[in-house]
Amino acid sequence: MNISGSLTQVLDIDDISQVGHARRTAQRLAEQHGFDEREAGRVALVATELASNLLKHAGRGEMHLQVLARRAGGFGIELLAIDRAQGFDLQACMTDGFSTGGTQGIGLGAISRQAEVFDVYADTRGAVLLARCYPRSDRAPDLRYGVSQHSLHNDPACGDVWHLALRDQGLSALIIDGLGHGEEAERAARAGEQAFALAPFADALTAVADMHHAMTGTRGGALAFAQYDAHTGALGFTGVGNISGTLLNAEKSRGLASQPGIVGGQYRKAQRFDYAHVNGHLLIMHSDGLQTRWNLGDYPGLVHRHPAVIASVLHRDFCRGRDDVTVLVIALEPAHG
C-alpha cells in the first residue's frame, strides 16, 4: 500500500458563521471520497461540534482536515481542532450536557461516539482534539500515523512531499524538501517521490541513487527515509540534507543521523544507519520548516497520544513560519501473528 501525501486543509474558526463553513466543507470532502449521505452527515456533525467547541472554550482556533487512504481501499476523513487557549477540564468536557461556554453542550463524549478514532491533548498552551471517521462498513484497524503538512503562505504548491509505503511486516516513510519553495521546489520533490514509490523497500543506497537520478535537472533537495521491519523490530534510516529524524519512547529520545548534501545536485555519499529494538517507539520526521528545539518531555503524557495529535502539537508550537513544513509521526508497532 502506497500513500502519497497531500497538504493539510486549514479552516480558521473565529466566528459562529465559520462553524457552518466547516460543516459544509467536511461533508463535501466525505461525499467526494465515497461516504454515503448518512455517513457524510456523521462527518458533518463531528465537524460542527469540534468547531463549536473551539469557539466555546477557546474563542478561536483552527480546524485541520485530511483525507486518509485505507488498506482495503476507500478513504477516511481526519478532523483536528487546534487552539492556543489555556486548556480545559477534559473529564468534564467528556460528559454530555457540559459546556465551557455557558450554553447547552453535547459533550466531547458524544463526538467520540460518532468517530471511529477520538483523542485529545490539552495543557496550558492549548488543546488538540482528533476525530477520524471511517465508513461503518470499513472494519480495518486505524493506521497509527499522523501528518501535518503546510505550504508557505498557503501556496497551492508545496516544496515538501511525504510518502508512506506499508506492507504486512513493516513500512517505509519518506520526506523530501525541494530547495526553496513554490512550483519548482515541488517539481523537484515530486520527481524524487515518484522514483521512491517504485521500490520503497529497496536497498537504501540504490533508492538514493534512483532519487538522485530522477531529481537531476531540478533544484534538488534534502531527503530522508526510514525503513522499518516489524518482525525484527529494526529500523534503517537514510538521510541526505537537513530532514530531521527522531526515535523516542516514554524513557528516552535519540536523533537519527543524516549526511550532508543535495540530492539531484551534489552529495558525497549516502549511508544507512541501523537501529535495533525500536518496537513500541515513535518515529518523528520533519522538514526544516519546523524548529529542532522541541522536546516531547515538556508535554507530559503527549508521547502516549495518537500520532496525529503529536504532529499537530509540534506544528502548532514549533513551526518557523518562513518555509513549507511537514511533520510525520508514526507509531512503530510489532508484527502480529
C-alpha atoms as a PDB file:
ATOM      1  CA  MET A   1       0.000   0.000   0.000  1.00  0.00           C
ATOM      2  CA  ASN A   2       1.405   3.383  -1.045  1.00  0.00           C
ATOM      3  CA  ILE A   3       0.143   6.660   0.426  1.00  0.00           C
ATOM      4  CA  SER A   4       1.184   9.784  -1.450  1.00  0.00           C
ATOM      5  CA  GLY A   5       0.919  12.745   0.867  1.00  0.00           C
ATOM      6  CA  SER A   6      -1.133  15.888   0.425  1.00  0.00           C
ATOM      7  CA  LEU A   7      -1.396  19.264   2.137  1.00  0.00           C
ATOM      8  CA  THR A   8      -3.396  19.669   5.321  1.00  0.00           C
ATOM      9  CA  GLN A   9      -6.530  21.750   4.669  1.00  0.00           C
ATOM     10  CA  VAL A  10      -6.804  24.530   7.262  1.00  0.00           C
ATOM     11  CA  LEU A  11     -10.042  26.317   8.213  1.00  0.00           C
ATOM     12  CA  ASP A  12      -9.924  29.317  10.552  1.00  0.00           C
ATOM     13  CA  ILE A  13     -12.619  29.203  13.235  1.00  0.00           C
ATOM     14  CA  ASP A  14     -13.102  32.580  14.917  1.00  0.00           C
ATOM     15  CA  ASP A  15     -16.731  33.415  14.193  1.00  0.00           C
ATOM     16  CA  ILE A  16     -20.007  31.494  14.501  1.00  0.00           C
ATOM     17  CA  SER A  17     -20.523  31.690  10.724  1.00  0.00           C
ATOM     18  CA  GLN A  18     -17.394  29.600  10.203  1.00  0.00           C
ATOM     19  CA  VAL A  19     -18.940  26.662  12.044  1.00  0.00           C
ATOM     20  CA  GLY A  20     -21.333  26.221   9.137  1.00  0.00           C
ATOM     21  CA  HIS A  21     -18.485  26.554   6.650  1.00  0.00           C
ATOM     22  CA  ALA A  22     -16.557  23.829   8.484  1.00  0.00           C
ATOM     23  CA  ARG A  23     -19.605  21.572   8.455  1.00  0.00           C
ATOM     24  CA  ARG A  24     -20.186  22.017   4.722  1.00  0.00           C
ATOM     25  CA  THR A  25     -16.514  21.585   3.875  1.00  0.00           C
ATOM     26  CA  ALA A  26     -16.167  18.364   5.860  1.00  0.00           C
ATOM     27  CA  GLN A  27     -19.410  16.937   4.473  1.00  0.00           C
ATOM     28  CA  ARG A  28     -18.403  17.722   0.899  1.00  0.00           C
ATOM     29  CA  LEU A  29     -14.965  16.158   1.434  1.00  0.00           C
ATOM     30  CA  ALA A  30     -16.595  12.976   2.756  1.00  0.00           C
ATOM     31  CA  GLU A  31     -19.043  12.804  -0.139  1.00  0.00           C
ATOM     32  CA  GLN A  32     -16.205  13.239  -2.626  1.00  0.00           C
ATOM     33  CA  HIS A  33     -14.406  10.257  -1.087  1.00  0.00           C
ATOM     34  CA  GLY A  34     -17.095   7.617  -1.069  1.00  0.00           C
ATOM     35  CA  PHE A  35     -19.146   8.324   2.066  1.00  0.00           C
ATOM     36  CA  ASP A  36     -22.892   7.901   1.503  1.00  0.00           C
ATOM     37  CA  GLU A  37     -25.342  10.607   2.575  1.00  0.00           C
ATOM     38  CA  ARG A  38     -25.823   9.280   6.097  1.00  0.00           C
ATOM     39  CA  GLU A  39     -22.112   8.683   6.700  1.00  0.00           C
ATOM     40  CA  ALA A  40     -21.207  12.117   5.322  1.00  0.00           C
ATOM     41  CA  GLY A  41     -23.785  13.600   7.669  1.00  0.00           C
ATOM     42  CA  ARG A  42     -21.982  11.971  10.579  1.00  0.00           C
ATOM     43  CA  VAL A  43     -18.715  13.614   9.468  1.00  0.00           C
ATOM     44  CA  ALA A  44     -20.565  16.943   9.219  1.00  0.00           C
ATOM     45  CA  LEU A  45     -21.875  16.535  12.785  1.00  0.00           C
ATOM     46  CA  VAL A  46     -18.374  15.885  14.130  1.00  0.00           C
ATOM     47  CA  ALA A  47     -17.060  18.959  12.286  1.00  0.00           C
ATOM     48  CA  THR A  48     -19.882  21.096  13.671  1.00  0.00           C
ATOM     49  CA  GLU A  49     -19.286  20.051  17.262  1.00  0.00           C
ATOM     50  CA  LEU A  50     -15.493  20.361  17.063  1.00  0.00           C
ATOM     51  CA  ALA A  51     -15.758  23.862  15.548  1.00  0.00           C
ATOM     52  CA  SER A  52     -18.391  24.874  18.107  1.00  0.00           C
ATOM     53  CA  ASN A  53     -16.183  23.593  20.905  1.00  0.00           C
ATOM     54  CA  LEU A  54     -13.314  25.768  19.624  1.00  0.00           C
ATOM     55  CA  LEU A  55     -15.454  28.887  19.896  1.00  0.00           C
ATOM     56  CA  LYS A  56     -16.931  27.915  23.258  1.00  0.00           C
ATOM     57  CA  HIS A  57     -13.764  27.207  25.202  1.00  0.00           C
ATOM     58  CA  ALA A  58     -11.004  28.956  23.214  1.00  0.00           C
ATOM     59  CA  GLY A  59     -12.703  31.814  21.387  1.00  0.00           C
ATOM     60  CA  ARG A  60     -10.862  30.940  18.188  1.00  0.00           C
ATOM     61  CA  GLY A  61      -8.731  28.216  16.615  1.00  0.00           C
ATOM     62  CA  GLU A  62      -8.245  26.134  13.501  1.00  0.00           C
ATOM     63  CA  MET A  63      -9.757  23.003  12.030  1.00  0.00           C
ATOM     64  CA  HIS A  64      -7.404  20.799  10.037  1.00  0.00           C
ATOM     65  CA  LEU A  65      -8.805  18.292   7.544  1.00  0.00           C
ATOM     66  CA  GLN A  66      -7.075  15.343   5.877  1.00  0.00           C
ATOM     67  CA  VAL A  67      -8.207  12.504   3.627  1.00  0.00           C
ATOM     68  CA  LEU A  68      -6.908   9.132   4.844  1.00  0.00           C
ATOM     69  CA  ALA A  69      -6.246   6.250   2.460  1.00  0.00           C
ATOM     70  CA  ARG A  70      -7.379   2.864   3.810  1.00  0.00           C
ATOM     71  CA  ARG A  71      -5.765  -0.579   3.480  1.00  0.00           C
ATOM     72  CA  ALA A  72      -8.863  -2.175   1.957  1.00  0.00           C
ATOM     73  CA  GLY A  73      -9.429   0.704  -0.443  1.00  0.00           C
ATOM     74  CA  GLY A  74     -11.619   3.708   0.132  1.00  0.00           C
ATOM     75  CA  PHE A  75     -10.938   6.629   2.431  1.00  0.00           C
ATOM     76  CA  GLY A  76     -11.494   8.098   5.856  1.00  0.00           C
ATOM     77  CA  ILE A  77     -11.709  11.710   6.981  1.00  0.00           C
ATOM     78  CA  GLU A  78      -9.499  13.157   9.710  1.00  0.00           C
ATOM     79  CA  LEU A  79     -10.614  16.273  11.612  1.00  0.00           C
ATOM     80  CA  LEU A  80      -8.427  18.128  14.119  1.00  0.00           C
ATOM     81  CA  ALA A  81      -9.496  21.102  16.248  1.00  0.00           C
ATOM     82  CA  ILE A  82      -6.465  23.104  17.376  1.00  0.00           C
ATOM     83  CA  ASP A  83      -6.259  26.114  19.697  1.00  0.00           C
ATOM     84  CA  ARG A  84      -3.856  28.129  21.838  1.00  0.00           C
ATOM     85  CA  ALA A  85      -6.166  28.707  24.805  1.00  0.00           C
ATOM     86  CA  GLN A  86      -5.477  27.858  28.447  1.00  0.00           C
ATOM     87  CA  GLY A  87      -6.725  24.289  28.276  1.00  0.00           C
ATOM     88  CA  PHE A  88      -9.916  22.888  29.752  1.00  0.00           C
ATOM     89  CA  ASP A  89     -11.222  20.265  32.137  1.00  0.00           C
ATOM     90  CA  LEU A  90     -11.101  17.207  29.885  1.00  0.00           C
ATOM     91  CA  GLN A  91     -13.091  14.934  32.192  1.00  0.00           C
ATOM     92  CA  ALA A  92     -15.884  17.486  32.472  1.00  0.00           C
ATOM     93  CA  CYS A  93     -15.967  18.116  28.735  1.00  0.00           C
ATOM     94  CA  MET A  94     -16.338  14.401  28.058  1.00  0.00           C
ATOM     95  CA  THR A  95     -19.640  14.487  29.985  1.00  0.00           C
ATOM     96  CA  ASP A  96     -22.791  15.047  27.931  1.00  0.00           C
ATOM     97  CA  GLY A  97     -24.532  18.289  28.834  1.00  0.00           C
ATOM     98  CA  PHE A  98     -21.342  20.052  29.929  1.00  0.00           C
ATOM     99  CA  SER A  99     -20.406  23.294  28.149  1.00  0.00           C
ATOM    100  CA  THR A 100     -17.412  25.531  28.792  1.00  0.00           C
ATOM    101  CA  GLY A 101     -19.248  28.417  27.134  1.00  0.00           C
ATOM    102  CA  GLY A 102     -22.319  28.520  29.345  1.00  0.00           C
ATOM    103  CA  THR A 103     -24.533  27.012  26.641  1.00  0.00           C
ATOM    104  CA  GLN A 104     -26.104  23.578  26.354  1.00  0.00           C
ATOM    105  CA  GLY A 105     -23.370  21.213  25.152  1.00  0.00           C
ATOM    106  CA  ILE A 106     -23.448  17.640  23.937  1.00  0.00           C
ATOM    107  CA  GLY A 107     -20.031  16.937  25.469  1.00  0.00           C
ATOM    108  CA  LEU A 108     -16.958  15.591  23.735  1.00  0.00           C
ATOM    109  CA  GLY A 109     -18.123  12.131  24.751  1.00  0.00           C
ATOM    110  CA  ALA A 110     -20.880  12.373  22.169  1.00  0.00           C
ATOM    111  CA  ILE A 111     -18.352  13.362  19.499  1.00  0.00           C
ATOM    112  CA  SER A 112     -16.211  10.381  20.422  1.00  0.00           C
ATOM    113  CA  ARG A 113     -19.176   8.069  19.824  1.00  0.00           C
ATOM    114  CA  GLN A 114     -19.589   9.409  16.288  1.00  0.00           C
ATOM    115  CA  ALA A 115     -15.915   8.911  15.358  1.00  0.00           C
ATOM    116  CA  GLU A 116     -14.007   5.661  14.945  1.00  0.00           C
ATOM    117  CA  VAL A 117     -10.922   7.301  16.496  1.00  0.00           C
ATOM    118  CA  PHE A 118     -11.034  10.096  19.067  1.00  0.00           C
ATOM    119  CA  ASP A 119      -8.155  11.527  21.102  1.00  0.00           C
ATOM    120  CA  VAL A 120      -7.351  14.740  22.975  1.00  0.00           C
ATOM    121  CA  TYR A 121      -4.317  16.512  24.376  1.00  0.00           C
ATOM    122  CA  ALA A 122      -4.783  19.664  26.461  1.00  0.00           C
ATOM    123  CA  ASP A 123      -2.499  21.716  28.675  1.00  0.00           C
ATOM    124  CA  THR A 124      -1.957  25.403  29.456  1.00  0.00           C
ATOM    125  CA  ARG A 125      -0.651  26.000  25.904  1.00  0.00           C
ATOM    126  CA  GLY A 126      -3.892  24.893  24.301  1.00  0.00           C
ATOM    127  CA  ALA A 127      -5.696  21.807  23.082  1.00  0.00           C
ATOM    128  CA  VAL A 128      -5.720  19.446  20.106  1.00  0.00           C
ATOM    129  CA  LEU A 129      -8.777  17.264  19.513  1.00  0.00           C
ATOM    130  CA  LEU A 130      -8.654  14.479  16.940  1.00  0.00           C
ATOM    131  CA  ALA A 131     -11.546  12.658  15.277  1.00  0.00           C
ATOM    132  CA  ARG A 132     -11.122  10.121  12.479  1.00  0.00           C
ATOM    133  CA  CYS A 133     -14.259   8.938  10.710  1.00  0.00           C
ATOM    134  CA  TYR A 134     -14.387   5.819   8.552  1.00  0.00           C
ATOM    135  CA  PRO A 135     -17.385   4.298   6.778  1.00  0.00           C
ATOM    136  CA  ARG A 136     -19.112   1.909   9.188  1.00  0.00           C
ATOM    137  CA  SER A 137     -18.513  -0.926   6.727  1.00  0.00           C
ATOM    138  CA  ASP A 138     -14.744  -0.394   6.969  1.00  0.00           C
ATOM    139  CA  ARG A 139     -13.534  -2.678   9.760  1.00  0.00           C
ATOM    140  CA  ALA A 140      -9.812  -2.281   9.083  1.00  0.00           C
ATOM    141  CA  PRO A 141      -7.795  -1.031  12.060  1.00  0.00           C
ATOM    142  CA  ASP A 142      -6.702   2.577  12.279  1.00  0.00           C
ATOM    143  CA  LEU A 143      -3.259   3.263  10.799  1.00  0.00           C
ATOM    144  CA  ARG A 144      -1.213   4.763  13.627  1.00  0.00           C
ATOM    145  CA  TYR A 145       0.435   7.643  11.855  1.00  0.00           C
ATOM    146  CA  GLY A 146      -0.191  11.365  11.631  1.00  0.00           C
ATOM    147  CA  VAL A 147       0.974  14.123   9.307  1.00  0.00           C
ATOM    148  CA  SER A 148       0.747  17.900   9.439  1.00  0.00           C
ATOM    149  CA  GLN A 149       1.878  19.495   6.169  1.00  0.00           C
ATOM    150  CA  HIS A 150       1.567  23.186   5.265  1.00  0.00           C
ATOM    151  CA  SER A 151       2.943  25.331   2.454  1.00  0.00           C
ATOM    152  CA  LEU A 152       4.426  28.768   2.977  1.00  0.00           C
ATOM    153  CA  HIS A 153       1.743  31.484   2.806  1.00  0.00           C
ATOM    154  CA  ASN A 154      -0.859  28.829   1.834  1.00  0.00           C
ATOM    155  CA  ASP A 155       0.695  28.474  -1.628  1.00  0.00           C
ATOM    156  CA  PRO A 156      -1.083  25.700  -3.583  1.00  0.00           C
ATOM    157  CA  ALA A 157       2.394  24.373  -4.457  1.00  0.00           C
ATOM    158  CA  CYS A 158       4.429  22.836  -1.640  1.00  0.00           C
ATOM    159  CA  GLY A 159       8.139  22.063  -1.858  1.00  0.00           C
ATOM    160  CA  ASP A 160       7.786  19.343   0.796  1.00  0.00           C
ATOM    161  CA  VAL A 161       6.406  15.927  -0.068  1.00  0.00           C
ATOM    162  CA  TRP A 162       5.879  12.861   2.069  1.00  0.00           C
ATOM    163  CA  HIS A 163       5.212   9.263   1.119  1.00  0.00           C
ATOM    164  CA  LEU A 164       4.324   6.231   3.216  1.00  0.00           C
ATOM    165  CA  ALA A 165       4.524   2.636   1.971  1.00  0.00           C
ATOM    166  CA  LEU A 166       3.012  -0.124   4.106  1.00  0.00           C
ATOM    167  CA  ARG A 167       3.273  -3.887   3.973  1.00  0.00           C
ATOM    168  CA  ASP A 168       2.376  -6.675   6.395  1.00  0.00           C
ATOM    169  CA  GLN A 169       5.767  -6.744   8.074  1.00  0.00           C
ATOM    170  CA  GLY A 170       6.718  -3.102   8.086  1.00  0.00           C
ATOM    171  CA  LEU A 171       6.766   0.307   6.463  1.00  0.00           C
ATOM    172  CA  SER A 172       8.909   2.772   4.576  1.00  0.00           C
ATOM    173  CA  ALA A 173       8.450   6.517   5.120  1.00  0.00           C
ATOM    174  CA  LEU A 174       9.924   9.365   3.070  1.00  0.00           C
ATOM    175  CA  ILE A 175      10.128  13.160   3.329  1.00  0.00           C
ATOM    176  CA  ILE A 176      11.708  15.305   0.606  1.00  0.00           C
ATOM    177  CA  ASP A 177      12.202  19.059   0.907  1.00  0.00           C
ATOM    178  CA  GLY A 178      12.802  20.594  -2.522  1.00  0.00           C
ATOM    179  CA  LEU A 179      15.143  23.565  -2.383  1.00  0.00           C
ATOM    180  CA  GLY A 180      13.266  26.802  -1.802  1.00  0.00           C
ATOM    181  CA  HIS A 181       9.501  26.720  -2.099  1.00  0.00           C
ATOM    182  CA  GLY A 182       6.799  27.006  -4.745  1.00  0.00           C
ATOM    183  CA  GLU A 183       6.282  25.138  -8.007  1.00  0.00           C
ATOM    184  CA  GLU A 184       9.929  24.407  -8.832  1.00  0.00           C
ATOM    185  CA  ALA A 185      10.605  23.075  -5.356  1.00  0.00           C
ATOM    186  CA  GLU A 186       7.526  20.872  -5.622  1.00  0.00           C
ATOM    187  CA  ARG A 187       8.615  19.585  -9.035  1.00  0.00           C
ATOM    188  CA  ALA A 188      11.970  18.523  -7.609  1.00  0.00           C
ATOM    189  CA  ALA A 189      10.411  16.798  -4.619  1.00  0.00           C
ATOM    190  CA  ARG A 190       7.737  15.011  -6.665  1.00  0.00           C
ATOM    191  CA  ALA A 191      10.374  13.655  -9.052  1.00  0.00           C
ATOM    192  CA  GLY A 192      12.157  12.049  -6.123  1.00  0.00           C
ATOM    193  CA  GLU A 193       8.939  10.730  -4.609  1.00  0.00           C
ATOM    194  CA  GLN A 194       7.907   9.056  -7.859  1.00  0.00           C
ATOM    195  CA  ALA A 195      11.226   7.214  -8.028  1.00  0.00           C
ATOM    196  CA  PHE A 196      10.950   6.160  -4.372  1.00  0.00           C
ATOM    197  CA  ALA A 197       7.384   4.879  -4.804  1.00  0.00           C
ATOM    198  CA  LEU A 198       8.523   2.360  -7.438  1.00  0.00           C
ATOM    199  CA  ALA A 199      10.601   0.455  -4.860  1.00  0.00           C
ATOM    200  CA  PRO A 200      10.175   1.855  -1.336  1.00  0.00           C
ATOM    201  CA  PHE A 201      11.738  -1.215   0.301  1.00  0.00           C
ATOM    202  CA  ALA A 202      14.779  -1.379  -1.989  1.00  0.00           C
ATOM    203  CA  ASP A 203      18.342  -1.269  -0.729  1.00  0.00           C
ATOM    204  CA  ALA A 204      18.836   2.189   0.771  1.00  0.00           C
ATOM    205  CA  LEU A 205      21.793   3.263  -1.351  1.00  0.00           C
ATOM    206  CA  THR A 206      20.045   2.094  -4.520  1.00  0.00           C
ATOM    207  CA  ALA A 207      16.964   4.098  -3.521  1.00  0.00           C
ATOM    208  CA  VAL A 208      19.025   7.259  -3.006  1.00  0.00           C
ATOM    209  CA  ALA A 209      20.770   6.764  -6.350  1.00  0.00           C
ATOM    210  CA  ASP A 210      17.407   6.344  -8.093  1.00  0.00           C
ATOM    211  CA  MET A 211      16.017   9.501  -6.479  1.00  0.00           C
ATOM    212  CA  HIS A 212      19.204  11.418  -7.299  1.00  0.00           C
ATOM    213  CA  HIS A 213      18.881  10.416 -10.961  1.00  0.00           C
ATOM    214  CA  ALA A 214      15.189  11.417 -11.006  1.00  0.00           C
ATOM    215  CA  MET A 215      15.899  14.792  -9.377  1.00  0.00           C
ATOM    216  CA  THR A 216      18.863  15.697 -11.589  1.00  0.00           C
ATOM    217  CA  GLY A 217      17.939  18.712 -13.683  1.00  0.00           C
ATOM    218  CA  THR A 218      15.626  20.046 -10.962  1.00  0.00           C
ATOM    219  CA  ARG A 219      16.508  22.235  -7.989  1.00  0.00           C
ATOM    220  CA  GLY A 220      17.260  19.095  -6.000  1.00  0.00           C
ATOM    221  CA  GLY A 221      16.559  18.834  -2.320  1.00  0.00           C
ATOM    222  CA  ALA A 222      17.073  17.240   1.072  1.00  0.00           C
ATOM    223  CA  LEU A 223      15.527  13.865   1.798  1.00  0.00           C
ATOM    224  CA  ALA A 224      15.319  11.148   4.399  1.00  0.00           C
ATOM    225  CA  PHE A 225      13.551   7.829   4.577  1.00  0.00           C
ATOM    226  CA  ALA A 226      13.077   5.209   7.272  1.00  0.00           C
ATOM    227  CA  GLN A 227      12.571   1.506   6.543  1.00  0.00           C
ATOM    228  CA  TYR A 228      11.073  -0.421   9.462  1.00  0.00           C
ATOM    229  CA  ASP A 229      10.888  -4.211   9.805  1.00  0.00           C
ATOM    230  CA  ALA A 230       8.103  -5.013  12.256  1.00  0.00           C
ATOM    231  CA  HIS A 231       9.170  -8.653  12.518  1.00  0.00           C
ATOM    232  CA  THR A 232      12.718  -7.947  13.717  1.00  0.00           C
ATOM    233  CA  GLY A 233      11.967  -4.614  15.385  1.00  0.00           C
ATOM    234  CA  ALA A 234      14.797  -2.910  13.460  1.00  0.00           C
ATOM    235  CA  LEU A 235      14.784   0.401  11.597  1.00  0.00           C
ATOM    236  CA  GLY A 236      17.140   1.726   8.952  1.00  0.00           C
ATOM    237  CA  PHE A 237      17.393   5.486   8.418  1.00  0.00           C
ATOM    238  CA  THR A 238      18.994   7.132   5.416  1.00  0.00           C
ATOM    239  CA  GLY A 239      19.192  10.890   5.009  1.00  0.00           C
ATOM    240  CA  VAL A 240      20.918  13.450   2.812  1.00  0.00           C
ATOM    241  CA  GLY A 241      20.457  17.052   3.912  1.00  0.00           C
ATOM    242  CA  ASN A 242      18.515  18.556   6.783  1.00  0.00           C
ATOM    243  CA  ILE A 243      15.451  16.359   7.221  1.00  0.00           C
ATOM    244  CA  SER A 244      15.304  15.582  10.951  1.00  0.00           C
ATOM    245  CA  GLY A 245      14.553  12.145  12.356  1.00  0.00           C
ATOM    246  CA  THR A 246      13.978  11.108  15.959  1.00  0.00           C
ATOM    247  CA  LEU A 247      13.155   7.817  17.684  1.00  0.00           C
ATOM    248  CA  LEU A 248      11.597   8.106  21.114  1.00  0.00           C
ATOM    249  CA  ASN A 249       9.515   6.448  23.781  1.00  0.00           C
ATOM    250  CA  ALA A 250       8.472   7.445  27.275  1.00  0.00           C
ATOM    251  CA  GLU A 251      12.008   6.914  28.631  1.00  0.00           C
ATOM    252  CA  LYS A 252      14.411   8.263  26.037  1.00  0.00           C
ATOM    253  CA  SER A 253      14.888  10.031  22.727  1.00  0.00           C
ATOM    254  CA  ARG A 254      17.622   9.731  20.112  1.00  0.00           C
ATOM    255  CA  GLY A 255      18.294  11.658  16.941  1.00  0.00           C
ATOM    256  CA  LEU A 256      18.818   9.841  13.647  1.00  0.00           C
ATOM    257  CA  ALA A 257      21.933  10.544  11.599  1.00  0.00           C
ATOM    258  CA  SER A 258      21.981  12.056   8.097  1.00  0.00           C
ATOM    259  CA  GLN A 259      24.742  13.006   5.675  1.00  0.00           C
ATOM    260  CA  PRO A 260      25.273  16.481   4.148  1.00  0.00           C
ATOM    261  CA  GLY A 261      24.441  17.261   0.535  1.00  0.00           C
ATOM    262  CA  ILE A 262      21.720  17.920  -2.024  1.00  0.00           C
ATOM    263  CA  VAL A 263      20.070  15.019  -3.831  1.00  0.00           C
ATOM    264  CA  GLY A 264      19.770  15.906  -7.511  1.00  0.00           C
ATOM    265  CA  GLY A 265      22.729  18.241  -7.004  1.00  0.00           C
ATOM    266  CA  GLN A 266      25.873  17.280  -5.117  1.00  0.00           C
ATOM    267  CA  TYR A 267      26.348  14.941  -2.205  1.00  0.00           C
ATOM    268  CA  ARG A 268      29.430  12.980  -1.269  1.00  0.00           C
ATOM    269  CA  LYS A 269      27.755   9.807  -0.122  1.00  0.00           C
ATOM    270  CA  ALA A 270      24.658   8.321   1.428  1.00  0.00           C
ATOM    271  CA  GLN A 271      24.716   5.943   4.368  1.00  0.00           C
ATOM    272  CA  ARG A 272      22.071   3.825   6.053  1.00  0.00           C
ATOM    273  CA  PHE A 273      22.181   3.850   9.849  1.00  0.00           C
ATOM    274  CA  ASP A 274      20.561   0.904  11.636  1.00  0.00           C
ATOM    275  CA  TYR A 275      18.674   0.997  14.939  1.00  0.00           C
ATOM    276  CA  ALA A 276      17.619  -2.175  16.754  1.00  0.00           C
ATOM    277  CA  HIS A 277      14.747  -2.873  19.168  1.00  0.00           C
ATOM    278  CA  VAL A 278      12.517   0.049  18.167  1.00  0.00           C
ATOM    279  CA  ASN A 279       9.164  -1.739  18.517  1.00  0.00           C
ATOM    280  CA  GLY A 280       6.861   0.469  20.543  1.00  0.00           C
ATOM    281  CA  HIS A 281       8.792   3.636  19.726  1.00  0.00           C
ATOM    282  CA  LEU A 282       7.589   6.727  17.903  1.00  0.00           C
ATOM    283  CA  LEU A 283       9.327   7.771  14.707  1.00  0.00           C
ATOM    284  CA  ILE A 284       9.164  11.542  14.154  1.00  0.00           C
ATOM    285  CA  MET A 285      10.454  13.023  10.897  1.00  0.00           C
ATOM    286  CA  HIS A 286      10.164  16.644   9.809  1.00  0.00           C
ATOM    287  CA  SER A 287      11.481  19.171   7.333  1.00  0.00           C
ATOM    288  CA  ASP A 288      13.396  22.267   8.418  1.00  0.00           C
ATOM    289  CA  GLY A 289      10.207  24.307   8.395  1.00  0.00           C
ATOM    290  CA  LEU A 290       9.912  23.005  11.981  1.00  0.00           C
ATOM    291  CA  GLN A 291      12.304  24.122  14.702  1.00  0.00           C
ATOM    292  CA  THR A 292      14.505  21.377  16.115  1.00  0.00           C
ATOM    293  CA  ARG A 293      14.371  22.548  19.749  1.00  0.00           C
ATOM    294  CA  TRP A 294      11.159  20.683  20.606  1.00  0.00           C
ATOM    295  CA  ASN A 295      11.169  18.156  23.425  1.00  0.00           C
ATOM    296  CA  LEU A 296       8.176  15.887  23.993  1.00  0.00           C
ATOM    297  CA  GLY A 297       9.282  15.611  27.622  1.00  0.00           C
ATOM    298  CA  ASP A 298       7.970  19.161  28.071  1.00  0.00           C
ATOM    299  CA  TYR A 299       4.461  17.853  27.278  1.00  0.00           C
ATOM    300  CA  PRO A 300       3.542  15.315  29.991  1.00  0.00           C
ATOM    301  CA  GLY A 301       1.652  12.374  28.517  1.00  0.00           C
ATOM    302  CA  LEU A 302       1.846  13.538  24.898  1.00  0.00           C
ATOM    303  CA  VAL A 303       4.069  10.595  23.917  1.00  0.00           C
ATOM    304  CA  HIS A 304       1.082   8.310  24.629  1.00  0.00           C
ATOM    305  CA  ARG A 305      -1.370  10.216  22.432  1.00  0.00           C
ATOM    306  CA  HIS A 306      -2.284   9.424  18.822  1.00  0.00           C
ATOM    307  CA  PRO A 307       0.489  10.275  16.314  1.00  0.00           C
ATOM    308  CA  ALA A 308      -1.835  12.739  14.546  1.00  0.00           C
ATOM    309  CA  VAL A 309      -2.250  14.673  17.811  1.00  0.00           C
ATOM    310  CA  ILE A 310       1.514  14.725  18.359  1.00  0.00           C
ATOM    311  CA  ALA A 311       2.174  16.005  14.824  1.00  0.00           C
ATOM    312  CA  SER A 312      -0.367  18.797  15.287  1.00  0.00           C
ATOM    313  CA  VAL A 313       1.011  19.900  18.651  1.00  0.00           C
ATOM    314  CA  LEU A 314       4.534  20.077  17.220  1.00  0.00           C
ATOM    315  CA  HIS A 315       3.354  22.061  14.207  1.00  0.00           C
ATOM    316  CA  ARG A 316       1.321  24.446  16.375  1.00  0.00           C
ATOM    317  CA  ASP A 317       4.175  25.230  18.759  1.00  0.00           C
ATOM    318  CA  PHE A 318       7.344  24.943  16.633  1.00  0.00           C
ATOM    319  CA  CYS A 319       6.535  25.939  13.051  1.00  0.00           C
ATOM    320  CA  ARG A 320       9.104  28.512  11.884  1.00  0.00           C
ATOM    321  CA  GLY A 321       6.576  30.271   9.647  1.00  0.00           C
ATOM    322  CA  ARG A 322       9.070  31.032   6.881  1.00  0.00           C
ATOM    323  CA  ASP A 323       9.116  27.808   4.835  1.00  0.00           C
ATOM    324  CA  ASP A 324       6.993  24.847   3.873  1.00  0.00           C
ATOM    325  CA  VAL A 325       6.711  22.420   6.784  1.00  0.00           C
ATOM    326  CA  THR A 326       5.989  18.710   7.129  1.00  0.00           C
ATOM    327  CA  VAL A 327       5.752  16.747  10.383  1.00  0.00           C
ATOM    328  CA  LEU A 328       5.309  12.967  10.136  1.00  0.00           C
ATOM    329  CA  VAL A 329       4.764  10.851  13.266  1.00  0.00           C
ATOM    330  CA  ILE A 330       4.478   7.049  13.138  1.00  0.00           C
ATOM    331  CA  ALA A 331       3.901   4.538  15.925  1.00  0.00           C
ATOM    332  CA  LEU A 332       6.220   1.594  15.244  1.00  0.00           C
ATOM    333  CA  GLU A 333       4.112  -1.391  16.126  1.00  0.00           C
ATOM    334  CA  PRO A 334       5.318  -5.001  16.238  1.00  0.00           C
ATOM    335  CA  ALA A 335       4.117  -7.612  13.799  1.00  0.00           C
ATOM    336  CA  HIS A 336       1.218  -9.777  14.963  1.00  0.00           C
ATOM    337  CA  GLY A 337       0.976 -13.482  14.392  1.00  0.00           C
END
